Amino acid sequence: MVCHRLNGAGDAELGPDLNIPHSPTEYFGGDFLRQYIRAPQSLRRWPQARMPGFSEKVWRQWSS
């Protein structure tokens, strides 16, 4: 993972840890989580965010 750490492992510093203190799958529903990963700025406006969305082609390949 280039942008996020997972359980404290890795040296990424852009995004928050994806499992500490909680995994987003514990508090986001499936539809919201999918849309947030696909196009983060469409659900939560955060001018400093650096998380890019995924193209439709990449999203289809990843989610199949």
N, C-alpha and C. Protein backbone atom coordinates (compact mmCIF):
# COMPACT_ATOMS: atom_id res chain seq x y z
N MET A 1 0.85 -1.18 0.00
CA MET A 1 0.00 0.00 0.00
C MET A 1 0.89 1.23 0.00
N VAL A 2 0.64 2.10 -0.88
CA VAL A 2 1.49 3.27 -1.00
C VAL A 2 0.99 4.45 -0.17
N CYS A 3 -0.28 4.57 0.03
CA CYS A 3 -0.84 5.76 0.67
C CYS A 3 -1.22 5.55 2.13
N HIS A 4 -1.62 4.34 2.50
CA HIS A 4 -2.12 4.06 3.84
C HIS A 4 -1.30 2.98 4.51
N ARG A 5 -1.22 3.06 5.82
CA ARG A 5 -0.67 1.95 6.60
C ARG A 5 -1.81 0.99 6.91
N LEU A 6 -1.47 -0.22 7.28
CA LEU A 6 -2.46 -1.20 7.68
C LEU A 6 -1.96 -1.87 8.95
N ASN A 7 -2.70 -1.69 10.03
CA ASN A 7 -2.31 -2.22 11.34
C ASN A 7 -0.94 -1.72 11.77
N GLY A 8 -0.63 -0.47 11.42
CA GLY A 8 0.64 0.13 11.81
C GLY A 8 1.82 -0.25 10.93
N ALA A 9 1.62 -1.16 9.99
CA ALA A 9 2.71 -1.61 9.13
C ALA A 9 2.83 -0.73 7.90
N GLY A 10 4.04 -0.55 7.45
CA GLY A 10 4.30 0.23 6.25
C GLY A 10 4.83 1.61 6.60
N ASP A 11 5.30 2.31 5.59
CA ASP A 11 5.87 3.63 5.84
C ASP A 11 5.08 4.74 5.15
N ALA A 12 3.88 4.44 4.68
CA ALA A 12 3.05 5.46 4.03
C ALA A 12 2.62 6.51 5.05
N GLU A 13 2.53 7.75 4.58
CA GLU A 13 2.16 8.83 5.48
C GLU A 13 1.06 9.73 4.93
N LEU A 14 0.52 9.42 3.76
CA LEU A 14 -0.50 10.29 3.17
C LEU A 14 -1.85 10.13 3.84
N GLY A 15 -2.32 8.91 3.94
CA GLY A 15 -3.65 8.66 4.50
C GLY A 15 -3.57 8.02 5.86
N PRO A 16 -4.71 7.94 6.54
CA PRO A 16 -4.73 7.31 7.86
C PRO A 16 -4.55 5.79 7.77
N ASP A 17 -4.22 5.18 8.88
CA ASP A 17 -4.14 3.73 8.95
C ASP A 17 -5.53 3.17 8.63
N LEU A 18 -5.57 2.12 7.84
CA LEU A 18 -6.85 1.58 7.41
C LEU A 18 -7.48 0.60 8.40
N ASN A 19 -6.86 0.38 9.53
CA ASN A 19 -7.45 -0.55 10.48
C ASN A 19 -7.34 -0.09 11.93
N ILE A 20 -6.62 1.00 12.18
CA ILE A 20 -6.44 1.50 13.55
C ILE A 20 -6.97 2.92 13.62
N PRO A 21 -7.84 3.32 14.47
CA PRO A 21 -8.39 2.51 15.56
C PRO A 21 -9.50 1.56 15.11
N HIS A 22 -10.12 1.82 13.95
CA HIS A 22 -11.18 0.94 13.45
C HIS A 22 -11.06 0.82 11.94
N SER A 23 -11.53 -0.29 11.43
CA SER A 23 -11.60 -0.48 9.98
C SER A 23 -12.82 0.26 9.45
N PRO A 24 -12.71 0.98 8.33
CA PRO A 24 -13.87 1.66 7.76
C PRO A 24 -15.03 0.71 7.47
N THR A 25 -14.73 -0.57 7.28
CA THR A 25 -15.82 -1.52 7.03
C THR A 25 -16.69 -1.73 8.26
N GLU A 26 -16.21 -1.30 9.43
CA GLU A 26 -17.00 -1.43 10.66
C GLU A 26 -18.02 -0.31 10.81
N TYR A 27 -17.81 0.83 10.17
CA TYR A 27 -18.75 1.93 10.37
C TYR A 27 -19.33 2.51 9.09
N PHE A 28 -18.83 2.13 7.93
CA PHE A 28 -19.44 2.53 6.66
C PHE A 28 -20.21 1.35 6.09
N GLY A 29 -21.40 1.60 5.58
CA GLY A 29 -22.15 0.56 4.89
C GLY A 29 -21.50 0.26 3.54
N GLY A 30 -21.85 -0.86 2.96
CA GLY A 30 -21.24 -1.30 1.71
C GLY A 30 -21.36 -0.31 0.57
N ASP A 31 -22.57 0.23 0.35
CA ASP A 31 -22.76 1.18 -0.75
C ASP A 31 -21.95 2.45 -0.55
N PHE A 32 -21.96 2.98 0.68
CA PHE A 32 -21.19 4.19 0.96
C PHE A 32 -19.70 3.93 0.77
N LEU A 33 -19.23 2.82 1.29
CA LEU A 33 -17.80 2.50 1.19
C LEU A 33 -17.37 2.35 -0.27
N ARG A 34 -18.18 1.66 -1.06
CA ARG A 34 -17.85 1.52 -2.49
C ARG A 34 -17.78 2.88 -3.17
N GLN A 35 -18.77 3.74 -2.93
CA GLN A 35 -18.78 5.06 -3.55
C GLN A 35 -17.62 5.91 -3.05
N TYR A 36 -17.28 5.80 -1.78
CA TYR A 36 -16.18 6.57 -1.21
C TYR A 36 -14.84 6.17 -1.83
N ILE A 37 -14.65 4.88 -2.04
CA ILE A 37 -13.41 4.42 -2.67
C ILE A 37 -13.39 4.82 -4.14
N ARG A 38 -14.52 4.71 -4.80
CA ARG A 38 -14.62 5.03 -6.23
C ARG A 38 -14.39 6.51 -6.50
N ALA A 39 -15.02 7.39 -5.70
CA ALA A 39 -14.94 8.84 -5.92
C ALA A 39 -15.05 9.56 -4.59
N PRO A 40 -13.98 9.61 -3.80
CA PRO A 40 -14.04 10.13 -2.44
C PRO A 40 -14.61 11.54 -2.32
N GLN A 41 -14.26 12.42 -3.22
CA GLN A 41 -14.73 13.81 -3.12
C GLN A 41 -16.22 13.95 -3.40
N SER A 42 -16.83 12.94 -4.00
CA SER A 42 -18.27 13.02 -4.28
C SER A 42 -19.10 12.87 -3.03
N LEU A 43 -18.55 12.28 -1.98
CA LEU A 43 -19.30 12.06 -0.75
C LEU A 43 -18.83 12.92 0.42
N ARG A 44 -17.60 13.32 0.37
CA ARG A 44 -17.07 14.12 1.48
C ARG A 44 -16.10 15.14 0.91
N ARG A 45 -16.50 16.38 0.94
CA ARG A 45 -15.65 17.46 0.42
C ARG A 45 -14.55 17.73 1.43
N TRP A 46 -13.33 17.55 0.99
CA TRP A 46 -12.17 17.76 1.85
C TRP A 46 -11.07 18.32 0.97
N PRO A 47 -10.92 19.65 0.93
CA PRO A 47 -9.98 20.29 0.01
C PRO A 47 -8.54 19.77 0.12
N GLN A 48 -8.10 19.36 1.29
CA GLN A 48 -6.72 18.89 1.46
C GLN A 48 -6.55 17.42 1.10
N ALA A 49 -7.63 16.74 0.79
CA ALA A 49 -7.54 15.31 0.48
C ALA A 49 -6.68 15.07 -0.74
N ARG A 50 -5.90 14.03 -0.67
CA ARG A 50 -5.05 13.65 -1.80
C ARG A 50 -5.45 12.31 -2.40
N MET A 51 -6.51 11.73 -1.85
CA MET A 51 -6.94 10.42 -2.34
C MET A 51 -7.63 10.56 -3.68
N PRO A 52 -7.06 9.97 -4.72
CA PRO A 52 -7.70 10.04 -6.03
C PRO A 52 -8.84 9.05 -6.14
N GLY A 53 -9.76 9.33 -7.02
CA GLY A 53 -10.79 8.35 -7.34
C GLY A 53 -10.22 7.36 -8.34
N PHE A 54 -11.00 6.37 -8.67
CA PHE A 54 -10.58 5.37 -9.64
C PHE A 54 -11.40 5.52 -10.90
N SER A 55 -10.78 5.32 -12.05
CA SER A 55 -11.53 5.36 -13.30
C SER A 55 -12.52 4.20 -13.32
N GLU A 56 -13.53 4.31 -14.14
CA GLU A 56 -14.53 3.24 -14.25
C GLU A 56 -13.87 1.93 -14.66
N LYS A 57 -12.90 1.97 -15.56
CA LYS A 57 -12.21 0.76 -16.01
C LYS A 57 -11.47 0.08 -14.85
N VAL A 58 -10.72 0.85 -14.09
CA VAL A 58 -9.98 0.29 -12.94
C VAL A 58 -10.96 -0.26 -11.91
N TRP A 59 -12.02 0.49 -11.66
CA TRP A 59 -13.02 0.06 -10.67
C TRP A 59 -13.65 -1.28 -11.08
N ARG A 60 -13.99 -1.44 -12.35
CA ARG A 60 -14.59 -2.70 -12.83
C ARG A 60 -13.61 -3.86 -12.67
N GLN A 61 -12.34 -3.63 -12.99
CA GLN A 61 -11.34 -4.69 -12.87
C GLN A 61 -11.13 -5.07 -11.41
N TRP A 62 -11.09 -4.09 -10.54
CA TRP A 62 -10.82 -4.33 -9.13
C TRP A 62 -12.00 -5.00 -8.43
N SER A 63 -13.21 -4.61 -8.80
CA SER A 63 -14.38 -5.10 -8.08
C SER A 63 -14.93 -6.41 -8.63
N SER A 64 -14.35 -6.93 -9.69
CA SER A 64 -14.87 -8.19 -10.24
C SER A 64 -14.18 -9.40 -9.64
